[in-house]
Amino acid sequence: MYNWEEPVKEQVKEVRDKELGVLRSSAILTAANMTFMSVAPIVVAISALFAYAADDGEFTASRVFAALSLFGQLRFPLMMCVATVCRCGQRGTSHHSWCCHCLGTHGRSATTPS
């Protein structure tokens, strides 16, 4: 074995461990985001019906059915709101990475001289 192999092996292991940590946290956040996207429309519909009941609203089958069908139509836009927030965060991260790579700032401000 060459003398340089062990230090390089240790450095590669450290980088891979950091990468696995980032992948693990990314998977957890993705699962939480997808769960929230699935649950948000149901929570909105239930809370709106509770608010209607608290306001002394009269529940009839036709009103409840109409409300549930309207909330069913709002399901996709509510899910897209969550996805849009997620994409905005990814855009900021990508922009920062691109600036660091292309402009060579690596954590420094683009206007700061090297």
Protein backbone atom coordinates (compact mmCIF):
# COMPACT_ATOMS: atom_id res chain seq x y z
CA MET A 1 0.00 0.00 0.00
CA TYR A 2 1.07 3.51 -0.70
CA ASN A 3 1.48 6.01 2.11
CA TRP A 4 -1.17 8.40 0.75
CA GLU A 5 -3.98 5.82 0.47
CA GLU A 6 -5.08 5.79 4.12
CA PRO A 7 -5.48 9.59 4.49
CA VAL A 8 -7.37 9.79 1.20
CA LYS A 9 -9.52 6.84 2.24
CA GLU A 10 -10.41 8.66 5.47
CA GLN A 11 -11.26 11.86 3.61
CA VAL A 12 -13.50 9.99 1.17
CA LYS A 13 -15.26 8.24 4.07
CA GLU A 14 -15.91 11.58 5.80
CA VAL A 15 -17.34 13.11 2.64
CA ARG A 16 -19.53 10.07 2.02
CA ASP A 17 -20.82 10.13 5.59
CA LYS A 18 -21.78 13.80 5.19
CA GLU A 19 -23.47 13.00 1.88
CA LEU A 20 -25.46 10.17 3.46
CA GLY A 21 -26.56 12.51 6.24
CA VAL A 22 -27.79 15.05 3.71
CA LEU A 23 -29.61 12.35 1.72
CA ARG A 24 -31.23 11.01 4.89
CA SER A 25 -32.48 14.43 5.98
CA SER A 26 -33.67 15.13 2.44
CA ALA A 27 -35.67 11.89 2.42
CA ILE A 28 -37.25 12.73 5.78
CA LEU A 29 -38.20 16.23 4.62
CA THR A 30 -39.63 14.86 1.36
CA ALA A 31 -41.76 12.36 3.28
CA ALA A 32 -43.00 15.08 5.64
CA ASN A 33 -43.77 17.37 2.69
CA MET A 34 -45.73 14.67 0.85
CA THR A 35 -47.66 13.82 4.01
CA PHE A 36 -48.53 17.48 4.52
CA MET A 37 -49.57 17.79 0.87
CA SER A 38 -51.96 14.86 1.30
CA VAL A 39 -53.41 15.99 4.63
CA ALA A 40 -53.73 19.76 4.03
CA PRO A 41 -56.91 19.68 1.90
CA ILE A 42 -58.68 17.39 4.37
CA VAL A 43 -57.72 19.61 7.31
CA VAL A 44 -58.93 22.71 5.46
CA ALA A 45 -62.29 21.09 4.65
CA ILE A 46 -62.85 19.86 8.21
CA SER A 47 -61.82 23.17 9.78
CA ALA A 48 -64.13 25.09 7.41
CA LEU A 49 -67.05 22.84 8.33
CA PHE A 50 -66.28 23.30 12.03
CA ALA A 51 -66.11 27.08 11.55
CA TYR A 52 -69.48 26.97 9.76
CA ALA A 53 -70.96 24.93 12.61
CA ALA A 54 -69.49 27.30 15.22
CA ASP A 55 -71.14 30.21 13.44
CA ASP A 56 -74.53 28.54 14.08
CA GLY A 57 -74.74 27.33 10.50
CA GLU A 58 -77.43 24.82 9.71
CA PHE A 59 -76.14 21.52 8.38
CA THR A 60 -78.23 19.97 5.67
CA ALA A 61 -77.22 17.16 3.36
CA SER A 62 -77.23 19.45 0.33
CA ARG A 63 -74.98 22.06 1.99
CA VAL A 64 -72.50 19.52 3.31
CA PHE A 65 -72.37 17.72 -0.05
CA ALA A 66 -71.86 21.00 -1.93
CA ALA A 67 -69.14 22.10 0.49
CA LEU A 68 -67.32 18.77 0.26
CA SER A 69 -67.48 18.77 -3.53
CA LEU A 70 -66.07 22.31 -3.64
CA PHE A 71 -63.27 21.36 -1.27
CA GLY A 72 -62.60 18.36 -3.49
CA GLN A 73 -62.05 20.75 -6.37
CA LEU A 74 -59.69 22.82 -4.22
CA ARG A 75 -57.58 19.77 -3.38
CA PHE A 76 -55.19 20.18 -6.34
CA PRO A 77 -54.58 23.95 -5.88
CA LEU A 78 -53.92 23.44 -2.15
CA MET A 79 -51.41 20.70 -2.93
CA MET A 80 -49.72 22.95 -5.48
CA CYS A 81 -49.30 25.71 -2.87
CA VAL A 82 -47.16 23.37 -0.78
CA ALA A 83 -45.22 22.22 -3.85
CA THR A 84 -44.61 25.84 -4.88
CA VAL A 85 -43.12 26.69 -1.49
CA CYS A 86 -40.87 23.64 -1.77
CA ARG A 87 -39.73 24.62 -5.28
CA CYS A 88 -38.95 28.17 -4.12
CA GLY A 89 -36.62 26.77 -1.49
CA GLN A 90 -34.94 24.52 -4.04
CA ARG A 91 -34.56 27.46 -6.43
CA GLY A 92 -32.75 29.48 -3.80
CA THR A 93 -30.39 26.61 -3.06
CA SER A 94 -29.70 25.98 -6.75
CA HIS A 95 -29.09 29.67 -7.39
CA HIS A 96 -26.62 29.84 -4.52
CA SER A 97 -24.79 26.72 -5.75
CA TRP A 98 -24.67 28.06 -9.29
CA CYS A 99 -23.28 31.40 -8.16
CA CYS A 100 -20.62 29.71 -6.06
CA HIS A 101 -19.63 27.41 -8.90
CA CYS A 102 -19.75 29.80 -11.86
CA LEU A 103 -18.57 32.95 -10.16
CA GLY A 104 -16.07 31.19 -7.94
CA THR A 105 -17.27 32.90 -4.76
CA HIS A 106 -17.37 29.77 -2.57
CA GLY A 107 -19.10 31.40 0.37
CA ARG A 108 -17.87 34.95 -0.29
CA SER A 109 -19.98 37.73 -1.66
CA ALA A 110 -19.79 38.09 -5.45
CA THR A 111 -18.75 41.74 -5.02
CA THR A 112 -15.97 41.01 -2.53
CA PRO A 113 -12.55 40.90 -4.24
CA SER A 114 -10.49 37.71 -3.68
